[in-house]
Amino acid sequence: MGHETALALGALLAFQIKHFLGDFVLQTAWQVRTKGIYGHVGGLVHSGIHILGTIPILIYLDVSAGAAAIILIGEFAVHYHMDWLKANIDRVYQWGTQSQRYWILFGVDQLVHQLTYLAIVYVTLAGLLGR
């Protein structure tokens, strides 16, 4: 296995752990309740927790401060808006956890977050934001 492959896999593993902690361990009922209110502190705190968890991964990937700032702003914006959208769709349709549509919505939310991490690793290792 090449160095870049090992680096990418290590970063993706770290993102998986970070995401589990941010979305399932550290997320409070208050954050869940308020993520659908645009600009509410609860959603901002939740997305902030995620970008705080990304910082050590960017250090591991040896990302420059400027590139890290761009990545963190992008991740924050995507995470915040995806969660806001999911909360509002859930509020409007009230499918509930017994509905397949709820789980599809939940899956789309998680897929967007995972694709964000894949994109971060790609742009970082491809040097698209500079190193």
N, C-alpha and C. Protein backbone atom coordinates (compact mmCIF):
# COMPACT_ATOMS: atom_id res chain seq x y z
N MET A 1 0.85 -1.17 0.00
CA MET A 1 0.00 0.00 0.00
C MET A 1 0.89 1.23 0.00
N GLY A 2 0.56 2.18 -0.86
CA GLY A 2 1.32 3.41 -0.94
C GLY A 2 1.02 4.35 0.21
N HIS A 3 1.94 5.31 0.40
CA HIS A 3 1.80 6.28 1.49
C HIS A 3 0.50 7.07 1.38
N GLU A 4 0.17 7.56 0.20
CA GLU A 4 -1.05 8.37 0.02
C GLU A 4 -2.29 7.54 0.28
N THR A 5 -2.28 6.27 -0.11
CA THR A 5 -3.43 5.39 0.15
C THR A 5 -3.60 5.19 1.65
N ALA A 6 -2.51 4.93 2.33
CA ALA A 6 -2.57 4.74 3.78
C ALA A 6 -3.04 6.03 4.47
N LEU A 7 -2.57 7.17 4.00
CA LEU A 7 -2.98 8.45 4.55
C LEU A 7 -4.48 8.67 4.34
N ALA A 8 -4.96 8.37 3.13
CA ALA A 8 -6.38 8.54 2.83
C ALA A 8 -7.24 7.61 3.69
N LEU A 9 -6.83 6.36 3.81
CA LEU A 9 -7.62 5.42 4.63
C LEU A 9 -7.61 5.82 6.10
N GLY A 10 -6.47 6.29 6.59
CA GLY A 10 -6.41 6.76 7.98
C GLY A 10 -7.33 7.95 8.20
N ALA A 11 -7.34 8.88 7.25
CA ALA A 11 -8.20 10.05 7.37
C ALA A 11 -9.67 9.65 7.30
N LEU A 12 -10.01 8.76 6.39
CA LEU A 12 -11.41 8.32 6.28
C LEU A 12 -11.86 7.58 7.53
N LEU A 13 -10.99 6.79 8.11
CA LEU A 13 -11.31 6.12 9.38
C LEU A 13 -11.55 7.17 10.47
N ALA A 14 -10.68 8.16 10.54
CA ALA A 14 -10.83 9.22 11.54
C ALA A 14 -12.14 9.99 11.32
N PHE A 15 -12.49 10.24 10.06
CA PHE A 15 -13.76 10.93 9.77
C PHE A 15 -14.96 10.08 10.22
N GLN A 16 -14.87 8.76 10.05
CA GLN A 16 -15.98 7.90 10.48
C GLN A 16 -16.17 7.98 11.99
N ILE A 17 -15.07 7.92 12.71
CA ILE A 17 -15.14 7.99 14.18
C ILE A 17 -15.63 9.37 14.61
N LYS A 18 -15.09 10.41 14.00
CA LYS A 18 -15.51 11.79 14.30
C LYS A 18 -17.00 11.96 14.04
N HIS A 19 -17.48 11.41 12.94
CA HIS A 19 -18.90 11.56 12.59
C HIS A 19 -19.80 10.82 13.59
N PHE A 20 -19.40 9.62 13.94
CA PHE A 20 -20.16 8.86 14.94
C PHE A 20 -20.26 9.65 16.25
N LEU A 21 -19.13 10.19 16.69
CA LEU A 21 -19.14 10.96 17.94
C LEU A 21 -20.02 12.21 17.81
N GLY A 22 -19.87 12.95 16.72
CA GLY A 22 -20.61 14.19 16.55
C GLY A 22 -22.10 14.02 16.34
N ASP A 23 -22.49 12.99 15.59
CA ASP A 23 -23.90 12.81 15.27
C ASP A 23 -24.65 11.90 16.24
N PHE A 24 -23.94 11.04 16.97
CA PHE A 24 -24.65 10.07 17.79
C PHE A 24 -24.28 10.09 19.27
N VAL A 25 -23.07 10.47 19.60
CA VAL A 25 -22.65 10.48 21.00
C VAL A 25 -22.79 11.87 21.61
N LEU A 26 -22.30 12.88 20.93
CA LEU A 26 -22.27 14.23 21.49
C LEU A 26 -23.49 15.08 21.14
N GLN A 27 -24.30 14.63 20.21
CA GLN A 27 -25.49 15.41 19.83
C GLN A 27 -26.55 15.30 20.92
N THR A 28 -27.04 16.44 21.35
CA THR A 28 -28.05 16.47 22.42
C THR A 28 -29.45 16.60 21.84
N ALA A 29 -30.45 16.33 22.67
CA ALA A 29 -31.84 16.50 22.25
C ALA A 29 -32.11 17.95 21.86
N TRP A 30 -31.47 18.89 22.57
CA TRP A 30 -31.61 20.31 22.25
C TRP A 30 -31.12 20.61 20.83
N GLN A 31 -29.99 20.02 20.45
CA GLN A 31 -29.47 20.22 19.10
C GLN A 31 -30.44 19.64 18.08
N VAL A 32 -30.93 18.45 18.34
CA VAL A 32 -31.86 17.80 17.41
C VAL A 32 -33.12 18.65 17.25
N ARG A 33 -33.66 19.13 18.36
CA ARG A 33 -34.90 19.94 18.34
C ARG A 33 -34.74 21.25 17.59
N THR A 34 -33.55 21.83 17.62
CA THR A 34 -33.38 23.19 17.09
C THR A 34 -32.66 23.25 15.74
N LYS A 35 -32.23 22.13 15.20
CA LYS A 35 -31.50 22.16 13.93
C LYS A 35 -32.37 22.66 12.77
N GLY A 36 -33.69 22.55 12.90
CA GLY A 36 -34.59 22.99 11.83
C GLY A 36 -34.95 24.46 11.90
N ILE A 37 -34.45 25.17 12.89
CA ILE A 37 -34.71 26.61 13.02
C ILE A 37 -33.47 27.32 12.49
N TYR A 38 -33.61 27.96 11.34
CA TYR A 38 -32.43 28.52 10.69
C TYR A 38 -31.74 29.54 11.57
N GLY A 39 -30.46 29.36 11.79
CA GLY A 39 -29.65 30.26 12.58
C GLY A 39 -29.70 30.01 14.08
N HIS A 40 -30.46 29.01 14.51
CA HIS A 40 -30.53 28.72 15.95
C HIS A 40 -29.18 28.19 16.43
N VAL A 41 -28.85 28.56 17.65
CA VAL A 41 -27.56 28.18 18.23
C VAL A 41 -27.39 26.65 18.27
N GLY A 42 -28.46 25.90 18.50
CA GLY A 42 -28.34 24.45 18.59
C GLY A 42 -27.75 23.82 17.33
N GLY A 43 -28.23 24.25 16.17
CA GLY A 43 -27.69 23.73 14.91
C GLY A 43 -26.28 24.21 14.66
N LEU A 44 -26.01 25.45 15.06
CA LEU A 44 -24.66 26.00 14.89
C LEU A 44 -23.66 25.25 15.78
N VAL A 45 -24.07 24.96 17.01
CA VAL A 45 -23.21 24.21 17.93
C VAL A 45 -22.94 22.82 17.37
N HIS A 46 -24.00 22.16 16.87
CA HIS A 46 -23.84 20.81 16.32
C HIS A 46 -22.82 20.81 15.17
N SER A 47 -22.98 21.72 14.23
CA SER A 47 -22.04 21.78 13.10
C SER A 47 -20.65 22.21 13.56
N GLY A 48 -20.60 23.05 14.58
CA GLY A 48 -19.32 23.45 15.15
C GLY A 48 -18.57 22.28 15.77
N ILE A 49 -19.29 21.41 16.44
CA ILE A 49 -18.67 20.20 17.00
C ILE A 49 -18.03 19.38 15.88
N HIS A 50 -18.73 19.29 14.76
CA HIS A 50 -18.18 18.52 13.64
C HIS A 50 -16.90 19.13 13.10
N ILE A 51 -16.87 20.44 12.94
CA ILE A 51 -15.63 21.01 12.39
C ILE A 51 -14.50 20.99 13.40
N LEU A 52 -14.82 21.07 14.68
CA LEU A 52 -13.77 20.90 15.69
C LEU A 52 -13.14 19.52 15.59
N GLY A 53 -13.96 18.51 15.32
CA GLY A 53 -13.45 17.16 15.15
C GLY A 53 -12.64 16.98 13.88
N THR A 54 -12.87 17.85 12.91
CA THR A 54 -12.14 17.77 11.64
C THR A 54 -10.73 18.35 11.76
N ILE A 55 -10.53 19.28 12.67
CA ILE A 55 -9.23 19.94 12.78
C ILE A 55 -8.07 18.95 12.97
N PRO A 56 -8.16 17.99 13.92
CA PRO A 56 -7.03 17.06 14.04
C PRO A 56 -6.80 16.21 12.79
N ILE A 57 -7.87 15.95 12.05
CA ILE A 57 -7.72 15.16 10.82
C ILE A 57 -6.98 15.98 9.77
N LEU A 58 -7.26 17.26 9.70
CA LEU A 58 -6.55 18.12 8.75
C LEU A 58 -5.09 18.28 9.14
N ILE A 59 -4.82 18.29 10.43
CA ILE A 59 -3.42 18.32 10.88
C ILE A 59 -2.72 17.03 10.46
N TYR A 60 -3.40 15.90 10.66
CA TYR A 60 -2.86 14.60 10.23
C TYR A 60 -2.57 14.59 8.73
N LEU A 61 -3.43 15.26 7.96
CA LEU A 61 -3.24 15.32 6.50
C LEU A 61 -2.26 16.41 6.08
N ASP A 62 -1.70 17.13 7.05
CA ASP A 62 -0.72 18.19 6.80
C ASP A 62 -1.28 19.28 5.88
N VAL A 63 -2.50 19.71 6.19
CA VAL A 63 -3.17 20.75 5.41
C VAL A 63 -2.71 22.12 5.90
N SER A 64 -2.45 23.03 4.98
CA SER A 64 -2.05 24.38 5.36
C SER A 64 -3.20 25.08 6.07
N ALA A 65 -2.87 26.13 6.80
CA ALA A 65 -3.89 26.87 7.56
C ALA A 65 -4.94 27.46 6.63
N GLY A 66 -4.52 28.01 5.50
CA GLY A 66 -5.47 28.61 4.56
C GLY A 66 -6.42 27.58 3.97
N ALA A 67 -5.85 26.45 3.56
CA ALA A 67 -6.69 25.38 3.00
C ALA A 67 -7.61 24.82 4.08
N ALA A 68 -7.10 24.69 5.30
CA ALA A 68 -7.93 24.19 6.40
C ALA A 68 -9.11 25.11 6.65
N ALA A 69 -8.89 26.41 6.60
CA ALA A 69 -9.99 27.36 6.81
C ALA A 69 -11.07 27.19 5.76
N ILE A 70 -10.67 27.03 4.51
CA ILE A 70 -11.64 26.83 3.42
C ILE A 70 -12.42 25.53 3.64
N ILE A 71 -11.71 24.47 3.98
CA ILE A 71 -12.34 23.17 4.21
C ILE A 71 -13.32 23.25 5.37
N LEU A 72 -12.91 23.86 6.47
CA LEU A 72 -13.77 23.93 7.66
C LEU A 72 -15.02 24.76 7.39
N ILE A 73 -14.88 25.86 6.69
CA ILE A 73 -16.05 26.67 6.33
C ILE A 73 -16.99 25.87 5.43
N GLY A 74 -16.41 25.17 4.44
CA GLY A 74 -17.22 24.36 3.55
C GLY A 74 -17.93 23.23 4.27
N GLU A 75 -17.20 22.53 5.13
CA GLU A 75 -17.83 21.44 5.86
C GLU A 75 -18.94 21.96 6.77
N PHE A 76 -18.67 23.06 7.46
CA PHE A 76 -19.68 23.65 8.33
C PHE A 76 -20.95 23.98 7.53
N ALA A 77 -20.79 24.64 6.40
CA ALA A 77 -21.93 25.06 5.58
C ALA A 77 -22.72 23.85 5.08
N VAL A 78 -22.03 22.85 4.57
CA VAL A 78 -22.73 21.66 4.06
C VAL A 78 -23.43 20.93 5.19
N HIS A 79 -22.72 20.71 6.29
CA HIS A 79 -23.31 19.96 7.40
C HIS A 79 -24.52 20.70 7.97
N TYR A 80 -24.36 21.98 8.21
CA TYR A 80 -25.45 22.77 8.78
C TYR A 80 -26.69 22.75 7.89
N HIS A 81 -26.49 23.02 6.60
CA HIS A 81 -27.63 23.11 5.69
C HIS A 81 -28.28 21.75 5.42
N MET A 82 -27.49 20.70 5.38
CA MET A 82 -28.08 19.37 5.20
C MET A 82 -28.93 19.01 6.41
N ASP A 83 -28.43 19.28 7.60
CA ASP A 83 -29.20 18.98 8.82
C ASP A 83 -30.46 19.84 8.89
N TRP A 84 -30.33 21.11 8.52
CA TRP A 84 -31.49 22.01 8.52
C TRP A 84 -32.56 21.51 7.54
N LEU A 85 -32.12 21.13 6.35
CA LEU A 85 -33.05 20.63 5.34
C LEU A 85 -33.73 19.35 5.81
N LYS A 86 -32.95 18.42 6.34
CA LYS A 86 -33.51 17.16 6.84
C LYS A 86 -34.53 17.42 7.94
N ALA A 87 -34.20 18.29 8.88
CA ALA A 87 -35.11 18.59 9.99
C ALA A 87 -36.41 19.18 9.49
N ASN A 88 -36.33 20.03 8.47
CA ASN A 88 -37.54 20.65 7.95
C ASN A 88 -38.38 19.70 7.12
N ILE A 89 -37.76 18.86 6.35
CA ILE A 89 -38.51 17.84 5.62
C ILE A 89 -39.20 16.91 6.62
N ASP A 90 -38.47 16.52 7.65
CA ASP A 90 -39.03 15.64 8.68
C ASP A 90 -40.20 16.33 9.40
N ARG A 91 -40.05 17.62 9.70
CA ARG A 91 -41.12 18.37 10.38
C ARG A 91 -42.38 18.46 9.51
N VAL A 92 -42.21 18.74 8.23
CA VAL A 92 -43.35 18.91 7.33
C VAL A 92 -44.08 17.59 7.11
N TYR A 93 -43.34 16.52 6.82
CA TYR A 93 -43.97 15.26 6.45
C TYR A 93 -44.25 14.34 7.63
N GLN A 94 -43.53 14.50 8.72
CA GLN A 94 -43.72 13.70 9.92
C GLN A 94 -43.89 12.20 9.61
N TRP A 95 -42.93 11.68 8.87
CA TRP A 95 -43.01 10.28 8.48
C TRP A 95 -42.84 9.34 9.66
N GLY A 96 -42.02 9.70 10.61
CA GLY A 96 -41.79 8.83 11.77
C GLY A 96 -40.84 7.68 11.42
N THR A 97 -40.25 7.12 12.44
CA THR A 97 -39.20 6.11 12.24
C THR A 97 -39.71 4.78 11.70
N GLN A 98 -41.01 4.60 11.63
CA GLN A 98 -41.56 3.36 11.07
C GLN A 98 -41.74 3.46 9.55
N SER A 99 -41.51 4.64 9.00
CA SER A 99 -41.70 4.86 7.57
C SER A 99 -40.39 4.67 6.81
N GLN A 100 -40.48 4.00 5.68
CA GLN A 100 -39.30 3.86 4.82
C GLN A 100 -38.81 5.22 4.35
N ARG A 101 -39.72 6.16 4.12
CA ARG A 101 -39.32 7.49 3.66
C ARG A 101 -38.45 8.19 4.70
N TYR A 102 -38.77 8.01 5.97
CA TYR A 102 -37.93 8.60 7.03
C TYR A 102 -36.51 8.06 6.91
N TRP A 103 -36.36 6.76 6.73
CA TRP A 103 -35.03 6.15 6.69
C TRP A 103 -34.28 6.52 5.41
N ILE A 104 -35.01 6.73 4.32
CA ILE A 104 -34.37 7.22 3.10
C ILE A 104 -33.83 8.63 3.34
N LEU A 105 -34.65 9.48 3.97
CA LEU A 105 -34.21 10.84 4.31
C LEU A 105 -33.00 10.80 5.23
N PHE A 106 -33.05 9.97 6.25
CA PHE A 106 -31.93 9.82 7.17
C PHE A 106 -30.69 9.35 6.41
N GLY A 107 -30.87 8.40 5.51
CA GLY A 107 -29.76 7.88 4.72
C GLY A 107 -29.16 8.93 3.80
N VAL A 108 -30.00 9.76 3.18
CA VAL A 108 -29.49 10.82 2.31
C VAL A 108 -28.65 11.80 3.14
N ASP A 109 -29.15 12.15 4.32
CA ASP A 109 -28.41 13.03 5.23
C ASP A 109 -27.03 12.44 5.53
N GLN A 110 -26.98 11.19 5.91
CA GLN A 110 -25.71 10.56 6.24
C GLN A 110 -24.81 10.43 5.01
N LEU A 111 -25.40 10.14 3.85
CA LEU A 111 -24.63 10.04 2.62
C LEU A 111 -23.96 11.37 2.28
N VAL A 112 -24.69 12.46 2.41
CA VAL A 112 -24.12 13.78 2.12
C VAL A 112 -22.93 14.05 3.04
N HIS A 113 -23.07 13.71 4.33
CA HIS A 113 -21.95 13.91 5.25
C HIS A 113 -20.75 13.06 4.85
N GLN A 114 -20.98 11.80 4.50
CA GLN A 114 -19.88 10.92 4.11
C GLN A 114 -19.22 11.38 2.82
N LEU A 115 -20.01 11.84 1.86
CA LEU A 115 -19.43 12.36 0.62
C LEU A 115 -18.62 13.62 0.86
N THR A 116 -19.02 14.41 1.85
CA THR A 116 -18.24 15.59 2.24
C THR A 116 -16.85 15.16 2.71
N TYR A 117 -16.80 14.12 3.53
CA TYR A 117 -15.50 13.65 4.03
C TYR A 117 -14.65 13.10 2.90
N LEU A 118 -15.26 12.37 1.99
CA LEU A 118 -14.53 11.86 0.84
C LEU A 118 -13.98 13.01 0.01
N ALA A 119 -14.78 14.05 -0.19
CA ALA A 119 -14.33 15.22 -0.95
C ALA A 119 -13.18 15.92 -0.24
N ILE A 120 -13.25 16.03 1.08
CA ILE A 120 -12.17 16.67 1.83
C ILE A 120 -10.87 15.90 1.64
N VAL A 121 -10.92 14.60 1.75
CA VAL A 121 -9.71 13.78 1.58
C VAL A 121 -9.20 13.91 0.15
N TYR A 122 -10.10 13.89 -0.82
CA TYR A 122 -9.69 14.00 -2.21
C TYR A 122 -9.00 15.34 -2.50
N VAL A 123 -9.66 16.46 -2.15
CA VAL A 123 -9.05 17.76 -2.48
C VAL A 123 -7.75 17.98 -1.71
N THR A 124 -7.67 17.39 -0.53
CA THR A 124 -6.46 17.53 0.27
C THR A 124 -5.31 16.76 -0.36
N LEU A 125 -5.53 15.49 -0.64
CA LEU A 125 -4.44 14.66 -1.16
C LEU A 125 -4.12 14.98 -2.63
N ALA A 126 -5.09 15.50 -3.37
CA ALA A 126 -4.84 15.90 -4.75
C ALA A 126 -4.16 17.27 -4.81
N GLY A 127 -4.06 17.92 -3.66
CA GLY A 127 -3.41 19.24 -3.62
C GLY A 127 -4.22 20.34 -4.26
N LEU A 128 -5.52 20.16 -4.37
CA LEU A 128 -6.35 21.14 -5.07
C LEU A 128 -6.47 22.47 -4.32
N LEU A 129 -6.22 22.46 -3.03
CA LEU A 129 -6.25 23.69 -2.24
C LEU A 129 -4.86 24.11 -1.80
N GLY A 130 -3.87 23.43 -2.31
CA GLY A 130 -2.49 23.71 -1.90
C GLY A 130 -2.16 23.00 -0.61
N ARG A 131 -0.88 22.79 -0.39
CA ARG A 131 -0.45 22.08 0.83
C ARG A 131 0.58 22.88 1.55
